[in-house]
């Protein structure tokens, strides 16, 4: 599993490459949860993630929850049709803005407002 970070139009893009399964879920959690930026818009790029196991789904849920704690918003980019179906069936799809491309995700996240000091 490879993890890369960069910024596009003040949005943090975290790109994952490889299977998000039991072998790598803990590594992804450790690297992302401890350094998730506060008060930010975050794009989780899954275009190079061919498979997500239940451990990977749990990781995505933990990322969402931690983002809520630090007042950040998370969007998903490029989940496979199978992953979209699983996210929909589990109710996780409602937690995230979902986009097909990074450019589309940046555009969608740019429309969102972050809660600052309890005010939207």
PDB file of N, CA and C in Angstrom:
ATOM      1  N   UNK A   1       0.842  -1.181   0.000  1.00  0.00           N
ATOM      2  CA  UNK A   1       0.000   0.000   0.000  1.00  0.00           C
ATOM      3  C   UNK A   1       0.882   1.237   0.000  1.00  0.00           C
ATOM      4  N   UNK A   2       0.636   2.116  -0.946  1.00  0.00           N
ATOM      5  CA  UNK A   2       1.349   3.388  -1.015  1.00  0.00           C
ATOM      6  C   UNK A   2       0.393   4.504  -0.619  1.00  0.00           C
ATOM      7  N   UNK A   3       0.913   5.466   0.142  1.00  0.00           N
ATOM      8  CA  UNK A   3       0.125   6.617   0.574  1.00  0.00           C
ATOM      9  C   UNK A   3       0.887   7.877   0.190  1.00  0.00           C
ATOM     10  N   UNK A   4       0.239   8.740  -0.572  1.00  0.00           N
ATOM     11  CA  UNK A   4       0.850  10.012  -0.966  1.00  0.00           C
ATOM     12  C   UNK A   4      -0.099  11.142  -0.598  1.00  0.00           C
ATOM     13  N   UNK A   5       0.484  12.269  -0.194  1.00  0.00           N
ATOM     14  CA  UNK A   5      -0.304  13.461   0.133  1.00  0.00           C
ATOM     15  C   UNK A   5       0.176  14.624  -0.714  1.00  0.00           C
ATOM     16  N   UNK A   6      -0.777  15.417  -1.154  1.00  0.00           N
ATOM     17  CA  UNK A   6      -0.458  16.689  -1.785  1.00  0.00           C
ATOM     18  C   UNK A   6      -1.664  17.614  -1.638  1.00  0.00           C
ATOM     19  N   UNK A   7      -1.489  18.862  -1.983  1.00  0.00           N
ATOM     20  CA  UNK A   7      -2.554  19.846  -1.825  1.00  0.00           C
ATOM     21  C   UNK A   7      -2.938  20.390  -3.193  1.00  0.00           C
ATOM     22  N   UNK A   8      -4.246  20.448  -3.444  1.00  0.00           N
ATOM     23  CA  UNK A   8      -4.790  21.018  -4.673  1.00  0.00           C
ATOM     24  C   UNK A   8      -5.828  22.058  -4.270  1.00  0.00           C
ATOM     25  N   UNK A   9      -5.592  23.300  -4.613  1.00  0.00           N
ATOM     26  CA  UNK A   9      -6.535  24.383  -4.293  1.00  0.00           C
ATOM     27  C   UNK A   9      -6.951  24.367  -2.827  1.00  0.00           C
ATOM     28  N   UNK A  10      -6.000  24.263  -1.948  1.00  0.00           N
ATOM     29  CA  UNK A  10      -6.179  24.251  -0.485  1.00  0.00           C
ATOM     30  C   UNK A  10      -6.933  23.028   0.039  1.00  0.00           C
ATOM     31  N   UNK A  11      -7.034  21.989  -0.766  1.00  0.00           N
ATOM     32  CA  UNK A  11      -7.664  20.736  -0.344  1.00  0.00           C
ATOM     33  C   UNK A  11      -6.579  19.671  -0.263  1.00  0.00           C
ATOM     34  N   UNK A  12      -6.520  18.968   0.871  1.00  0.00           N
ATOM     35  CA  UNK A  12      -5.537  17.907   1.066  1.00  0.00           C
ATOM     36  C   UNK A  12      -5.990  16.658   0.321  1.00  0.00           C
ATOM     37  N   UNK A  13      -5.189  16.187  -0.618  1.00  0.00           N
ATOM     38  CA  UNK A  13      -5.494  14.975  -1.378  1.00  0.00           C
ATOM     39  C   UNK A  13      -4.599  13.861  -0.849  1.00  0.00           C
ATOM     40  N   UNK A  14      -5.231  12.790  -0.376  1.00  0.00           N
ATOM     41  CA  UNK A  14      -4.508  11.617   0.106  1.00  0.00           C
ATOM     42  C   UNK A  14      -4.794  10.493  -0.881  1.00  0.00           C
ATOM     43  N   UNK A  15      -3.768  10.081  -1.606  1.00  0.00           N
ATOM     44  CA  UNK A  15      -3.920   9.046  -2.628  1.00  0.00           C
ATOM     45  C   UNK A  15      -3.418   7.715  -2.093  1.00  0.00           C
ATOM     46  N   UNK A  16      -4.255   6.704  -2.218  1.00  0.00           N
ATOM     47  CA  UNK A  16      -3.885   5.347  -1.820  1.00  0.00           C
ATOM     48  C   UNK A  16      -3.698   4.512  -3.076  1.00  0.00           C
ATOM     49  N   UNK A  17      -2.737   3.597  -3.046  1.00  0.00           N
ATOM     50  CA  UNK A  17      -2.511   2.683  -4.164  1.00  0.00           C
ATOM     51  C   UNK A  17      -2.251   1.295  -3.598  1.00  0.00           C
ATOM     52  N   UNK A  18      -3.079   0.334  -4.014  1.00  0.00           N
ATOM     53  CA  UNK A  18      -2.962  -1.035  -3.527  1.00  0.00           C
ATOM     54  C   UNK A  18      -4.243  -1.464  -2.843  1.00  0.00           C
ATOM     55  N   UNK A  19      -4.287  -2.718  -2.436  1.00  0.00           N
ATOM     56  CA  UNK A  19      -5.467  -3.241  -1.751  1.00  0.00           C
ATOM     57  C   UNK A  19      -5.563  -2.677  -0.343  1.00  0.00           C
ATOM     58  N   UNK A  20      -6.753  -2.223   0.025  1.00  0.00           N
ATOM     59  CA  UNK A  20      -7.004  -1.760   1.386  1.00  0.00           C
ATOM     60  C   UNK A  20      -7.671  -2.930   2.107  1.00  0.00           C
ATOM     61  N   UNK A  21      -6.827  -3.823   2.599  1.00  0.00           N
ATOM     62  CA  UNK A  21      -7.312  -5.052   3.221  1.00  0.00           C
ATOM     63  C   UNK A  21      -6.671  -5.229   4.591  1.00  0.00           C
ATOM     64  N   UNK A  22      -6.860  -6.391   5.172  1.00  0.00           N
ATOM     65  CA  UNK A  22      -6.340  -6.670   6.507  1.00  0.00           C
ATOM     66  C   UNK A  22      -4.838  -6.511   6.636  1.00  0.00           C
ATOM     67  N   UNK A  23      -4.117  -6.713   5.547  1.00  0.00           N
ATOM     68  CA  UNK A  23      -2.657  -6.566   5.601  1.00  0.00           C
ATOM     69  C   UNK A  23      -2.228  -5.115   5.757  1.00  0.00           C
ATOM     70  N   UNK A  24      -3.003  -4.186   5.206  1.00  0.00           N
ATOM     71  CA  UNK A  24      -2.570  -2.786   5.170  1.00  0.00           C
ATOM     72  C   UNK A  24      -3.482  -1.814   5.910  1.00  0.00           C
ATOM     73  N   UNK A  25      -4.645  -2.264   6.341  1.00  0.00           N
ATOM     74  CA  UNK A  25      -5.592  -1.354   6.998  1.00  0.00           C
ATOM     75  C   UNK A  25      -4.981  -0.701   8.231  1.00  0.00           C
ATOM     76  N   UNK A  26      -4.276  -1.466   9.043  1.00  0.00           N
ATOM     77  CA  UNK A  26      -3.672  -0.907  10.260  1.00  0.00           C
ATOM     78  C   UNK A  26      -2.622   0.148   9.919  1.00  0.00           C
ATOM     79  N   UNK A  27      -1.850  -0.093   8.869  1.00  0.00           N
ATOM     80  CA  UNK A  27      -0.837   0.878   8.443  1.00  0.00           C
ATOM     81  C   UNK A  27      -1.494   2.174   7.988  1.00  0.00           C
ATOM     82  N   UNK A  28      -2.550   2.048   7.197  1.00  0.00           N
ATOM     83  CA  UNK A  28      -3.264   3.234   6.716  1.00  0.00           C
ATOM     84  C   UNK A  28      -3.861   3.991   7.895  1.00  0.00           C
ATOM     85  N   UNK A  29      -4.475   3.261   8.826  1.00  0.00           N
ATOM     86  CA  UNK A  29      -5.037   3.905  10.022  1.00  0.00           C
ATOM     87  C   UNK A  29      -3.966   4.670  10.777  1.00  0.00           C
ATOM     88  N   UNK A  30      -2.865   4.009  11.024  1.00  0.00           N
ATOM     89  CA  UNK A  30      -1.783   4.620  11.797  1.00  0.00           C
ATOM     90  C   UNK A  30      -1.270   5.889  11.123  1.00  0.00           C
ATOM     91  N   UNK A  31      -1.064   5.829   9.820  1.00  0.00           N
ATOM     92  CA  UNK A  31      -0.505   6.978   9.106  1.00  0.00           C
ATOM     93  C   UNK A  31      -1.507   8.115   8.934  1.00  0.00           C
ATOM     94  N   UNK A  32      -2.775   7.790   8.755  1.00  0.00           N
ATOM     95  CA  UNK A  32      -3.754   8.840   8.493  1.00  0.00           C
ATOM     96  C   UNK A  32      -4.413   9.392   9.750  1.00  0.00           C
ATOM     97  N   UNK A  33      -4.777   8.523  10.669  1.00  0.00           N
ATOM     98  CA  UNK A  33      -5.523   8.995  11.835  1.00  0.00           C
ATOM     99  C   UNK A  33      -4.694   9.874  12.747  1.00  0.00           C
ATOM    100  N   UNK A  34      -3.400   9.613  12.826  1.00  0.00           N
ATOM    101  CA  UNK A  34      -2.562  10.409  13.724  1.00  0.00           C
ATOM    102  C   UNK A  34      -2.183  11.754  13.122  1.00  0.00           C
ATOM    103  N   UNK A  35      -2.396  11.914  11.831  1.00  0.00           N
ATOM    104  CA  UNK A  35      -1.976  13.167  11.197  1.00  0.00           C
ATOM    105  C   UNK A  35      -3.072  13.789  10.336  1.00  0.00           C
ATOM    106  N   UNK A  36      -4.325  13.451  10.627  1.00  0.00           N
ATOM    107  CA  UNK A  36      -5.426  14.025   9.868  1.00  0.00           C
ATOM    108  C   UNK A  36      -5.522  15.515  10.181  1.00  0.00           C
ATOM    109  N   UNK A  37      -5.446  16.366   9.166  1.00  0.00           N
ATOM    110  CA  UNK A  37      -5.435  17.804   9.434  1.00  0.00           C
ATOM    111  C   UNK A  37      -6.776  18.309   9.963  1.00  0.00           C
ATOM    112  N   UNK A  38      -6.709  19.248  10.885  1.00  0.00           N
ATOM    113  CA  UNK A  38      -7.917  19.855  11.451  1.00  0.00           C
ATOM    114  C   UNK A  38      -8.405  20.981  10.551  1.00  0.00           C
ATOM    115  N   UNK A  39      -9.720  21.167  10.573  1.00  0.00           N
ATOM    116  CA  UNK A  39     -10.348  22.258   9.819  1.00  0.00           C
ATOM    117  C   UNK A  39      -9.944  22.252   8.349  1.00  0.00           C
ATOM    118  N   UNK A  40      -9.958  21.089   7.745  1.00  0.00           N
ATOM    119  CA  UNK A  40      -9.542  20.956   6.345  1.00  0.00           C
ATOM    120  C   UNK A  40     -10.580  20.182   5.548  1.00  0.00           C
ATOM    121  N   UNK A  41     -10.467  20.318   4.258  1.00  0.00           N
ATOM    122  CA  UNK A  41     -11.225  19.494   3.318  1.00  0.00           C
ATOM    123  C   UNK A  41     -10.240  18.442   2.804  1.00  0.00           C
ATOM    124  N   UNK A  42     -10.640  17.176   2.899  1.00  0.00           N
ATOM    125  CA  UNK A  42      -9.730  16.072   2.586  1.00  0.00           C
ATOM    126  C   UNK A  42     -10.350  15.207   1.499  1.00  0.00           C
ATOM    127  N   UNK A  43      -9.563  14.914   0.479  1.00  0.00           N
ATOM    128  CA  UNK A  43      -9.981  14.058  -0.612  1.00  0.00           C
ATOM    129  C   UNK A  43      -9.223  12.749  -0.486  1.00  0.00           C
ATOM    130  N   UNK A  44      -9.926  11.645  -0.314  1.00  0.00           N
ATOM    131  CA  UNK A  44      -9.301  10.330  -0.236  1.00  0.00           C
ATOM    132  C   UNK A  44      -9.428   9.690  -1.615  1.00  0.00           C
ATOM    133  N   UNK A  45      -8.320   9.657  -2.343  1.00  0.00           N
ATOM    134  CA  UNK A  45      -8.295   9.171  -3.719  1.00  0.00           C
ATOM    135  C   UNK A  45      -8.133   7.653  -3.727  1.00  0.00           C
ATOM    136  N   UNK A  46      -9.179   6.970  -4.175  1.00  0.00           N
ATOM    137  CA  UNK A  46      -9.203   5.505  -4.203  1.00  0.00           C
ATOM    138  C   UNK A  46      -9.106   4.950  -5.623  1.00  0.00           C
ATOM    139  N   UNK A  47      -8.729   5.781  -6.584  1.00  0.00           N
ATOM    140  CA  UNK A  47      -8.714   5.328  -7.975  1.00  0.00           C
ATOM    141  C   UNK A  47      -7.737   4.185  -8.219  1.00  0.00           C
ATOM    142  N   UNK A  48      -6.716   4.054  -7.374  1.00  0.00           N
ATOM    143  CA  UNK A  48      -5.737   2.974  -7.533  1.00  0.00           C
ATOM    144  C   UNK A  48      -5.882   1.918  -6.441  1.00  0.00           C
ATOM    145  N   UNK A  49      -7.093   1.809  -5.899  1.00  0.00           N
ATOM    146  CA  UNK A  49      -7.383   0.803  -4.873  1.00  0.00           C
ATOM    147  C   UNK A  49      -8.356  -0.202  -5.486  1.00  0.00           C
ATOM    148  N   UNK A  50      -7.834  -1.357  -5.936  1.00  0.00           N
ATOM    149  CA  UNK A  50      -8.701  -2.323  -6.610  1.00  0.00           C
ATOM    150  C   UNK A  50      -9.608  -3.124  -5.674  1.00  0.00           C
ATOM    151  N   UNK A  51      -9.239  -3.213  -4.392  1.00  0.00           N
ATOM    152  CA  UNK A  51      -9.997  -4.061  -3.465  1.00  0.00           C
ATOM    153  C   UNK A  51     -10.021  -3.428  -2.083  1.00  0.00           C
ATOM    154  N   UNK A  52     -11.194  -3.459  -1.447  1.00  0.00           N
ATOM    155  CA  UNK A  52     -11.343  -2.996  -0.066  1.00  0.00           C
ATOM    156  C   UNK A  52     -12.057  -4.092   0.715  1.00  0.00           C
ATOM    157  N   UNK A  53     -11.403  -4.602   1.755  1.00  0.00           N
ATOM    158  CA  UNK A  53     -11.994  -5.640   2.603  1.00  0.00           C
ATOM    159  C   UNK A  53     -12.804  -4.987   3.717  1.00  0.00           C
ATOM    160  N   UNK A  54     -13.378  -5.811   4.585  1.00  0.00           N
ATOM    161  CA  UNK A  54     -14.114  -5.269   5.733  1.00  0.00           C
ATOM    162  C   UNK A  54     -13.182  -4.462   6.636  1.00  0.00           C
ATOM    163  N   UNK A  55     -11.921  -4.866   6.734  1.00  0.00           N
ATOM    164  CA  UNK A  55     -10.946  -4.091   7.518  1.00  0.00           C
ATOM    165  C   UNK A  55     -10.720  -2.725   6.871  1.00  0.00           C
ATOM    166  N   UNK A  56     -10.721  -2.680   5.554  1.00  0.00           N
ATOM    167  CA  UNK A  56     -10.585  -1.415   4.841  1.00  0.00           C
ATOM    168  C   UNK A  56     -11.797  -0.522   5.036  1.00  0.00           C
ATOM    169  N   UNK A  57     -12.991  -1.128   5.037  1.00  0.00           N
ATOM    170  CA  UNK A  57     -14.210  -0.352   5.304  1.00  0.00           C
ATOM    171  C   UNK A  57     -14.170   0.248   6.702  1.00  0.00           C
ATOM    172  N   UNK A  58     -13.698  -0.536   7.651  1.00  0.00           N
ATOM    173  CA  UNK A  58     -13.564  -0.036   9.024  1.00  0.00           C
ATOM    174  C   UNK A  58     -12.597   1.147   9.060  1.00  0.00           C
ATOM    175  N   UNK A  59     -11.514   1.044   8.329  1.00  0.00           N
ATOM    176  CA  UNK A  59     -10.543   2.136   8.252  1.00  0.00           C
ATOM    177  C   UNK A  59     -11.196   3.394   7.695  1.00  0.00           C
ATOM    178  N   UNK A  60     -11.997   3.242   6.652  1.00  0.00           N
ATOM    179  CA  UNK A  60     -12.683   4.398   6.076  1.00  0.00           C
ATOM    180  C   UNK A  60     -13.638   5.024   7.088  1.00  0.00           C
ATOM    181  N   UNK A  61     -14.338   4.182   7.848  1.00  0.00           N
ATOM    182  CA  UNK A  61     -15.241   4.691   8.878  1.00  0.00           C
ATOM    183  C   UNK A  61     -14.465   5.438   9.955  1.00  0.00           C
ATOM    184  N   UNK A  62     -13.322   4.897  10.370  1.00  0.00           N
ATOM    185  CA  UNK A  62     -12.503   5.564  11.386  1.00  0.00           C
ATOM    186  C   UNK A  62     -11.952   6.897  10.878  1.00  0.00           C
ATOM    187  N   UNK A  63     -11.587   6.948   9.609  1.00  0.00           N
ATOM    188  CA  UNK A  63     -11.124   8.208   9.019  1.00  0.00           C
ATOM    189  C   UNK A  63     -12.256   9.232   9.049  1.00  0.00           C
ATOM    190  N   UNK A  64     -13.449   8.798   8.671  1.00  0.00           N
ATOM    191  CA  UNK A  64     -14.612   9.698   8.717  1.00  0.00           C
ATOM    192  C   UNK A  64     -14.845  10.209  10.138  1.00  0.00           C
ATOM    193  N   UNK A  65     -14.846   9.303  11.104  1.00  0.00           N
ATOM    194  CA  UNK A  65     -15.090   9.705  12.498  1.00  0.00           C
ATOM    195  C   UNK A  65     -14.018  10.663  13.009  1.00  0.00           C
ATOM    196  N   UNK A  66     -12.750  10.378  12.711  1.00  0.00           N
ATOM    197  CA  UNK A  66     -11.671  11.262  13.154  1.00  0.00           C
ATOM    198  C   UNK A  66     -11.786  12.626  12.480  1.00  0.00           C
ATOM    199  N   UNK A  67     -12.178  12.639  11.224  1.00  0.00           N
ATOM    200  CA  UNK A  67     -12.375  13.910  10.522  1.00  0.00           C
ATOM    201  C   UNK A  67     -13.450  14.736  11.221  1.00  0.00           C
ATOM    202  N   UNK A  68     -14.501  14.081  11.686  1.00  0.00           N
ATOM    203  CA  UNK A  68     -15.545  14.792  12.419  1.00  0.00           C
ATOM    204  C   UNK A  68     -14.995  15.397  13.705  1.00  0.00           C
ATOM    205  N   UNK A  69     -14.150  14.645  14.396  1.00  0.00           N
ATOM    206  CA  UNK A  69     -13.554  15.112  15.656  1.00  0.00           C
ATOM    207  C   UNK A  69     -12.708  16.361  15.428  1.00  0.00           C
ATOM    208  N   UNK A  70     -11.963  16.400  14.329  1.00  0.00           N
ATOM    209  CA  UNK A  70     -11.059  17.529  14.072  1.00  0.00           C
ATOM    210  C   UNK A  70     -11.679  18.565  13.127  1.00  0.00           C
ATOM    211  N   UNK A  71     -13.011  18.485  12.952  1.00  0.00           N
ATOM    212  CA  UNK A  71     -13.748  19.462  12.149  1.00  0.00           C
ATOM    213  C   UNK A  71     -13.268  19.514  10.698  1.00  0.00           C
ATOM    214  N   UNK A  72     -13.099  18.341  10.102  1.00  0.00           N
ATOM    215  CA  UNK A  72     -12.709  18.260   8.697  1.00  0.00           C
ATOM    216  C   UNK A  72     -13.798  17.547   7.904  1.00  0.00           C
ATOM    217  N   UNK A  73     -13.762  17.696   6.594  1.00  0.00           N
ATOM    218  CA  UNK A  73     -14.708  17.046   5.699  1.00  0.00           C
ATOM    219  C   UNK A  73     -13.928  16.115   4.783  1.00  0.00           C
ATOM    220  N   UNK A  74     -14.447  14.897   4.573  1.00  0.00           N
ATOM    221  CA  UNK A  74     -13.763  13.913   3.734  1.00  0.00           C
ATOM    222  C   UNK A  74     -14.637  13.562   2.531  1.00  0.00           C
ATOM    223  N   UNK A  75     -14.016  13.532   1.367  1.00  0.00           N
ATOM    224  CA  UNK A  75     -14.674  13.067   0.150  1.00  0.00           C
ATOM    225  C   UNK A  75     -13.876  11.895  -0.407  1.00  0.00           C
ATOM    226  N   UNK A  76     -14.562  11.022  -1.111  1.00  0.00           N
ATOM    227  CA  UNK A  76     -13.918   9.873  -1.754  1.00  0.00           C
ATOM    228  C   UNK A  76     -13.865  10.108  -3.254  1.00  0.00           C
ATOM    229  N   UNK A  77     -12.746   9.745  -3.853  1.00  0.00           N
ATOM    230  CA  UNK A  77     -12.588   9.864  -5.299  1.00  0.00           C
ATOM    231  C   UNK A  77     -12.356   8.485  -5.897  1.00  0.00           C
ATOM    232  N   UNK A  78     -13.110   8.181  -6.938  1.00  0.00           N
ATOM    233  CA  UNK A  78     -12.856   7.000  -7.742  1.00  0.00           C
ATOM    234  C   UNK A  78     -13.092   5.648  -7.116  1.00  0.00           C
ATOM    235  N   UNK A  79     -14.067   5.515  -6.186  1.00  0.00           N
ATOM    236  CA  UNK A  79     -14.308   4.156  -5.693  1.00  0.00           C
ATOM    237  C   UNK A  79     -14.865   3.291  -6.828  1.00  0.00           C
ATOM    238  N   UNK A  80     -14.457   2.045  -6.860  1.00  0.00           N
ATOM    239  CA  UNK A  80     -14.931   1.128  -7.896  1.00  0.00           C
ATOM    240  C   UNK A  80     -16.445   0.948  -7.762  1.00  0.00           C
ATOM    241  N   UNK A  81     -17.102   0.490  -8.824  1.00  0.00           N
ATOM    242  CA  UNK A  81     -18.542   0.232  -8.727  1.00  0.00           C
ATOM    243  C   UNK A  81     -18.879  -0.745  -7.592  1.00  0.00           C
ATOM    244  N   UNK A  82     -18.024  -1.745  -7.393  1.00  0.00           N
ATOM    245  CA  UNK A  82     -18.255  -2.709  -6.321  1.00  0.00           C
ATOM    246  C   UNK A  82     -18.176  -2.030  -4.956  1.00  0.00           C
ATOM    247  N   UNK A  83     -17.168  -1.168  -4.775  1.00  0.00           N
ATOM    248  CA  UNK A  83     -17.026  -0.466  -3.501  1.00  0.00           C
ATOM    249  C   UNK A  83     -18.192   0.487  -3.280  1.00  0.00           C
ATOM    250  N   UNK A  84     -18.626   1.183  -4.321  1.00  0.00           N
ATOM    251  CA  UNK A  84     -19.798   2.066  -4.186  1.00  0.00           C
ATOM    252  C   UNK A  84     -21.013   1.276  -3.721  1.00  0.00           C
ATOM    253  N   UNK A  85     -21.183   0.088  -4.294  1.00  0.00           N
ATOM    254  CA  UNK A  85     -22.312  -0.758  -3.917  1.00  0.00           C
ATOM    255  C   UNK A  85     -22.233  -1.153  -2.448  1.00  0.00           C
ATOM    256  N   UNK A  86     -21.047  -1.549  -1.994  1.00  0.00           N
ATOM    257  CA  UNK A  86     -20.855  -1.929  -0.589  1.00  0.00           C
ATOM    258  C   UNK A  86     -21.059  -0.720   0.319  1.00  0.00           C
ATOM    259  N   UNK A  87     -20.519   0.435  -0.069  1.00  0.00           N
ATOM    260  CA  UNK A  87     -20.696   1.649   0.733  1.00  0.00           C
ATOM    261  C   UNK A  87     -22.171   2.015   0.840  1.00  0.00           C
ATOM    262  N   UNK A  88     -22.900   1.831  -0.239  1.00  0.00           N
ATOM    263  CA  UNK A  88     -24.334   2.109  -0.229  1.00  0.00           C
ATOM    264  C   UNK A  88     -25.076   1.133   0.677  1.00  0.00           C
ATOM    265  N   UNK A  89     -24.764  -0.155   0.540  1.00  0.00           N
ATOM    266  CA  UNK A  89     -25.440  -1.186   1.335  1.00  0.00           C
ATOM    267  C   UNK A  89     -25.178  -1.043   2.828  1.00  0.00           C
ATOM    268  N   UNK A  90     -23.992  -0.565   3.187  1.00  0.00           N
ATOM    269  CA  UNK A  90     -23.639  -0.421   4.605  1.00  0.00           C
ATOM    270  C   UNK A  90     -24.062   0.923   5.186  1.00  0.00           C
ATOM    271  N   UNK A  91     -24.522   1.827   4.331  1.00  0.00           N
ATOM    272  CA  UNK A  91     -24.903   3.156   4.794  1.00  0.00           C
ATOM    273  C   UNK A  91     -23.744   4.134   4.864  1.00  0.00           C
ATOM    274  N   UNK A  92     -22.540   3.681   4.517  1.00  0.00           N
ATOM    275  CA  UNK A  92     -21.356   4.547   4.574  1.00  0.00           C
ATOM    276  C   UNK A  92     -21.376   5.622   3.489  1.00  0.00           C
ATOM    277  N   UNK A  93     -22.069   5.361   2.392  1.00  0.00           N
ATOM    278  CA  UNK A  93     -22.069   6.300   1.275  1.00  0.00           C
ATOM    279  C   UNK A  93     -22.591   7.672   1.699  1.00  0.00           C
ATOM    280  N   UNK A  94     -23.494   7.681   2.668  1.00  0.00           N
ATOM    281  CA  UNK A  94     -24.035   8.939   3.166  1.00  0.00           C
ATOM    282  C   UNK A  94     -23.046   9.766   3.963  1.00  0.00           C
ATOM    283  N   UNK A  95     -21.937   9.178   4.370  1.00  0.00           N
ATOM    284  CA  UNK A  95     -20.935   9.902   5.156  1.00  0.00           C
ATOM    285  C   UNK A  95     -20.023  10.764   4.287  1.00  0.00           C
ATOM    286  N   UNK A  96     -19.909  10.432   3.025  1.00  0.00           N
ATOM    287  CA  UNK A  96     -18.895  11.033   2.166  1.00  0.00           C
ATOM    288  C   UNK A  96     -19.492  11.696   0.933  1.00  0.00           C
ATOM    289  N   UNK A  97     -18.871  12.768   0.488  1.00  0.00           N
ATOM    290  CA  UNK A  97     -19.073  13.261  -0.867  1.00  0.00           C
ATOM    291  C   UNK A  97     -18.299  12.285  -1.743  1.00  0.00           C
ATOM    292  N   UNK A  98     -18.867  11.864  -2.870  1.00  0.00           N
ATOM    293  CA  UNK A  98     -18.181  10.914  -3.754  1.00  0.00           C
ATOM    294  C   UNK A  98     -18.039  11.541  -5.139  1.00  0.00           C
ATOM    295  N   UNK A  99     -16.845  11.445  -5.692  1.00  0.00           N
ATOM    296  CA  UNK A  99     -16.559  12.004  -7.013  1.00  0.00           C
ATOM    297  C   UNK A  99     -15.802  10.977  -7.843  1.00  0.00           C
ATOM    298  N   UNK A 100     -15.873  11.139  -9.153  1.00  0.00           N
ATOM    299  CA  UNK A 100     -15.181  10.212 -10.049  1.00  0.00           C
ATOM    300  C   UNK A 100     -13.719  10.579 -10.270  1.00  0.00           C
ATOM    301  N   UNK A 101     -13.401  11.874 -10.197  1.00  0.00           N
ATOM    302  CA  UNK A 101     -12.029  12.332 -10.446  1.00  0.00           C
ATOM    303  C   UNK A 101     -11.592  13.290  -9.338  1.00  0.00           C
ATOM    304  N   UNK A 102     -10.290  13.480  -9.225  1.00  0.00           N
ATOM    305  CA  UNK A 102      -9.766  14.433  -8.240  1.00  0.00           C
ATOM    306  C   UNK A 102     -10.292  15.831  -8.543  1.00  0.00           C
ATOM    307  N   UNK A 103     -10.297  16.218  -9.817  1.00  0.00           N
ATOM    308  CA  UNK A 103     -10.783  17.554 -10.192  1.00  0.00           C
ATOM    309  C   UNK A 103     -12.240  17.742  -9.774  1.00  0.00           C
ATOM    310  N   UNK A 104     -13.061  16.729 -10.005  1.00  0.00           N
ATOM    311  CA  UNK A 104     -14.470  16.792  -9.611  1.00  0.00           C
ATOM    312  C   UNK A 104     -14.593  16.850  -8.087  1.00  0.00           C
ATOM    313  N   UNK A 105     -13.779  16.067  -7.397  1.00  0.00           N
ATOM    314  CA  UNK A 105     -13.794  16.072  -5.933  1.00  0.00           C
ATOM    315  C   UNK A 105     -13.390  17.416  -5.361  1.00  0.00           C
ATOM    316  N   UNK A 106     -12.360  18.024  -5.944  1.00  0.00           N
ATOM    317  CA  UNK A 106     -11.922  19.357  -5.505  1.00  0.00           C
ATOM    318  C   UNK A 106     -13.059  20.355  -5.703  1.00  0.00           C
ATOM    319  N   UNK A 107     -13.724  20.274  -6.846  1.00  0.00           N
ATOM    320  CA  UNK A 107     -14.841  21.181  -7.135  1.00  0.00           C
ATOM    321  C   UNK A 107     -15.967  20.999  -6.117  1.00  0.00           C
ATOM    322  N   UNK A 108     -16.320  19.747  -5.827  1.00  0.00           N
ATOM    323  CA  UNK A 108     -17.393  19.474  -4.868  1.00  0.00           C
ATOM    324  C   UNK A 108     -17.016  19.921  -3.459  1.00  0.00           C
ATOM    325  N   UNK A 109     -15.797  19.620  -3.029  1.00  0.00           N
ATOM    326  CA  UNK A 109     -15.373  20.015  -1.684  1.00  0.00           C
ATOM    327  C   UNK A 109     -15.246  21.525  -1.553  1.00  0.00           C
ATOM    328  N   UNK A 110     -14.919  22.196  -2.636  1.00  0.00           N
ATOM    329  CA  UNK A 110     -14.808  23.654  -2.594  1.00  0.00           C
ATOM    330  C   UNK A 110     -16.152  24.302  -2.287  1.00  0.00           C
ATOM    331  N   UNK A 111     -17.234  23.587  -2.559  1.00  0.00           N
ATOM    332  CA  UNK A 111     -18.580  24.097  -2.278  1.00  0.00           C
ATOM    333  C   UNK A 111     -18.965  23.941  -0.812  1.00  0.00           C
ATOM    334  N   UNK A 112     -18.273  23.065  -0.091  1.00  0.00           N
ATOM    335  CA  UNK A 112     -18.656  22.788   1.291  1.00  0.00           C
ATOM    336  C   UNK A 112     -18.066  23.819   2.238  1.00  0.00           C
ATOM    337  N   UNK A 113     -18.801  24.069   3.296  1.00  0.00           N
ATOM    338  CA  UNK A 113     -18.322  24.975   4.336  1.00  0.00           C
ATOM    339  C   UNK A 113     -17.973  24.155   5.558  1.00  0.00           C
ATOM    340  N   UNK A 114     -16.866  24.498   6.181  1.00  0.00           N
ATOM    341  CA  UNK A 114     -16.467  23.842   7.419  1.00  0.00           C
ATOM    342  C   UNK A 114     -17.082  24.591   8.582  1.00  0.00           C
ATOM    343  N   UNK A 115     -17.441  23.864   9.628  1.00  0.00           N
ATOM    344  CA  UNK A 115     -17.942  24.504  10.840  1.00  0.00           C
ATOM    345  C   UNK A 115     -16.763  25.124  11.569  1.00  0.00           C
ATOM    346  N   UNK A 116     -16.854  26.369  11.837  1.00  0.00           N
ATOM    347  CA  UNK A 116     -15.803  27.071  12.578  1.00  0.00           C
ATOM    348  C   UNK A 116     -16.449  27.724  13.789  1.00  0.00           C
ATOM    349  N   UNK A 117     -15.953  27.356  14.945  1.00  0.00           N
ATOM    350  CA  UNK A 117     -16.468  27.909  16.200  1.00  0.00           C
ATOM    351  C   UNK A 117     -17.976  27.735  16.310  1.00  0.00           C
ATOM    352  N   UNK A 118     -18.465  26.589  15.834  1.00  0.00           N
ATOM    353  CA  UNK A 118     -19.884  26.291  15.951  1.00  0.00           C
ATOM    354  C   UNK A 118     -20.761  26.996  14.933  1.00  0.00           C
ATOM    355  N   UNK A 119     -20.181  27.719  13.987  1.00  0.00           N
ATOM    356  CA  UNK A 119     -20.951  28.445  12.984  1.00  0.00           C
ATOM    357  C   UNK A 119     -20.627  27.879  11.613  1.00  0.00           C
ATOM    358  N   UNK A 120     -21.657  27.642  10.783  1.00  0.00           N
ATOM    359  CA  UNK A 120     -21.408  27.164   9.419  1.00  0.00           C
ATOM    360  C   UNK A 120     -21.472  28.293   8.440  1.00  0.00           C
TER     361      UNK A 120
END
